[in-house]
Amino acid sequence: MQQISFMKIIALPVHLLLPRTGALSSATNSVLYNPEEPISYMYWGTLGHYLLSLALLIFVVSWFLKRRDV
């Protein structure tokens, strides 16, 4: 199995949460979809893309609810 680089771990949430326009999107696109590296958008797939977004949203909402209750 291939090792995922640290930059991809940072770039993927940024890419999922922010609009896909502008320089930041270009930067995350170049990290995520670099054709020189075997991991590409097809590796994640559209379903995985949305499931990861949903999991991140659930985590953030639950974290805010926990902080509010304390």
C-alpha atoms as a PDB file:
ATOM      1  CA  MET A   1       0.000   0.000   0.000  1.00  0.00           C
ATOM      2  CA  GLN A   2       1.210   3.451  -0.834  1.00  0.00           C
ATOM      3  CA  GLN A   3       2.065   5.965   1.828  1.00  0.00           C
ATOM      4  CA  ILE A   4       0.003   9.176   1.741  1.00  0.00           C
ATOM      5  CA  SER A   5       2.120  12.304   2.101  1.00  0.00           C
ATOM      6  CA  PHE A   6       1.612  14.892   4.827  1.00  0.00           C
ATOM      7  CA  MET A   7       0.698  17.519   2.221  1.00  0.00           C
ATOM      8  CA  LYS A   8      -2.197  15.377   0.988  1.00  0.00           C
ATOM      9  CA  ILE A   9      -3.529  15.011   4.527  1.00  0.00           C
ATOM     10  CA  ILE A  10      -3.617  18.810   4.804  1.00  0.00           C
ATOM     11  CA  ALA A  11      -4.796  19.499   1.248  1.00  0.00           C
ATOM     12  CA  LEU A  12      -7.760  17.120   1.142  1.00  0.00           C
ATOM     13  CA  PRO A  13      -9.911  18.761   3.880  1.00  0.00           C
ATOM     14  CA  VAL A  14      -9.067  22.214   2.494  1.00  0.00           C
ATOM     15  CA  HIS A  15     -10.060  21.058  -0.962  1.00  0.00           C
ATOM     16  CA  LEU A  16     -13.331  19.542   0.278  1.00  0.00           C
ATOM     17  CA  LEU A  17     -14.433  22.490   2.384  1.00  0.00           C
ATOM     18  CA  LEU A  18     -13.451  25.522   0.315  1.00  0.00           C
ATOM     19  CA  PRO A  19     -14.859  26.617  -3.035  1.00  0.00           C
ATOM     20  CA  ARG A  20     -12.903  25.250  -5.968  1.00  0.00           C
ATOM     21  CA  THR A  21     -11.829  28.596  -7.372  1.00  0.00           C
ATOM     22  CA  GLY A  22      -8.762  30.736  -6.917  1.00  0.00           C
ATOM     23  CA  ALA A  23      -5.140  30.128  -6.073  1.00  0.00           C
ATOM     24  CA  LEU A  24      -5.763  27.969  -3.005  1.00  0.00           C
ATOM     25  CA  SER A  25      -7.788  25.519  -5.064  1.00  0.00           C
ATOM     26  CA  SER A  26      -5.007  25.398  -7.640  1.00  0.00           C
ATOM     27  CA  ALA A  27      -2.527  24.608  -4.894  1.00  0.00           C
ATOM     28  CA  THR A  28      -4.658  21.801  -3.442  1.00  0.00           C
ATOM     29  CA  ASN A  29      -5.368  20.462  -6.926  1.00  0.00           C
ATOM     30  CA  SER A  30      -1.668  20.267  -7.689  1.00  0.00           C
ATOM     31  CA  VAL A  31      -1.037  18.386  -4.442  1.00  0.00           C
ATOM     32  CA  LEU A  32      -3.994  16.011  -4.782  1.00  0.00           C
ATOM     33  CA  TYR A  33      -4.101  15.400  -8.510  1.00  0.00           C
ATOM     34  CA  ASN A  34      -0.430  15.487  -9.430  1.00  0.00           C
ATOM     35  CA  PRO A  35      -0.155  13.053 -12.361  1.00  0.00           C
ATOM     36  CA  GLU A  36       3.381  12.120 -11.313  1.00  0.00           C
ATOM     37  CA  GLU A  37       2.017  10.489  -8.167  1.00  0.00           C
ATOM     38  CA  PRO A  38      -0.180   7.365  -8.386  1.00  0.00           C
ATOM     39  CA  ILE A  39      -2.857   8.608  -5.940  1.00  0.00           C
ATOM     40  CA  SER A  40      -5.379  10.662  -7.888  1.00  0.00           C
ATOM     41  CA  TYR A  41      -9.002  11.756  -7.695  1.00  0.00           C
ATOM     42  CA  MET A  42     -10.122   8.402  -9.068  1.00  0.00           C
ATOM     43  CA  TYR A  43      -8.455   6.724  -6.079  1.00  0.00           C
ATOM     44  CA  TRP A  44     -10.801   8.518  -3.707  1.00  0.00           C
ATOM     45  CA  GLY A  45     -13.819   8.243  -5.975  1.00  0.00           C
ATOM     46  CA  THR A  46     -16.877  10.430  -5.873  1.00  0.00           C
ATOM     47  CA  LEU A  47     -18.575   8.402  -3.138  1.00  0.00           C
ATOM     48  CA  GLY A  48     -15.486   8.495  -0.944  1.00  0.00           C
ATOM     49  CA  HIS A  49     -15.242  12.232  -1.536  1.00  0.00           C
ATOM     50  CA  TYR A  50     -18.754  12.801  -0.185  1.00  0.00           C
ATOM     51  CA  LEU A  51     -18.429  10.303   2.668  1.00  0.00           C
ATOM     52  CA  LEU A  52     -15.250  11.977   3.847  1.00  0.00           C
ATOM     53  CA  SER A  53     -16.980  15.373   3.728  1.00  0.00           C
ATOM     54  CA  LEU A  54     -19.917  13.996   5.705  1.00  0.00           C
ATOM     55  CA  ALA A  55     -17.659  12.409   8.323  1.00  0.00           C
ATOM     56  CA  LEU A  56     -15.752  15.669   8.747  1.00  0.00           C
ATOM     57  CA  LEU A  57     -19.005  17.612   9.097  1.00  0.00           C
ATOM     58  CA  ILE A  58     -20.339  15.183  11.730  1.00  0.00           C
ATOM     59  CA  PHE A  59     -17.067  15.405  13.660  1.00  0.00           C
ATOM     60  CA  VAL A  60     -17.096  19.216  13.680  1.00  0.00           C
ATOM     61  CA  VAL A  61     -20.765  19.432  14.694  1.00  0.00           C
ATOM     62  CA  SER A  62     -20.318  16.905  17.522  1.00  0.00           C
ATOM     63  CA  TRP A  63     -17.204  18.748  18.726  1.00  0.00           C
ATOM     64  CA  PHE A  64     -19.109  22.047  18.865  1.00  0.00           C
ATOM     65  CA  LEU A  65     -22.023  20.409  20.698  1.00  0.00           C
ATOM     66  CA  LYS A  66     -19.656  18.894  23.279  1.00  0.00           C
ATOM     67  CA  ARG A  67     -17.984  22.248  23.876  1.00  0.00           C
ATOM     68  CA  ARG A  68     -21.334  23.983  24.272  1.00  0.00           C
ATOM     69  CA  ASP A  69     -22.558  21.482  26.883  1.00  0.00           C
ATOM     70  CA  VAL A  70     -19.466  21.798  29.087  1.00  0.00           C
END
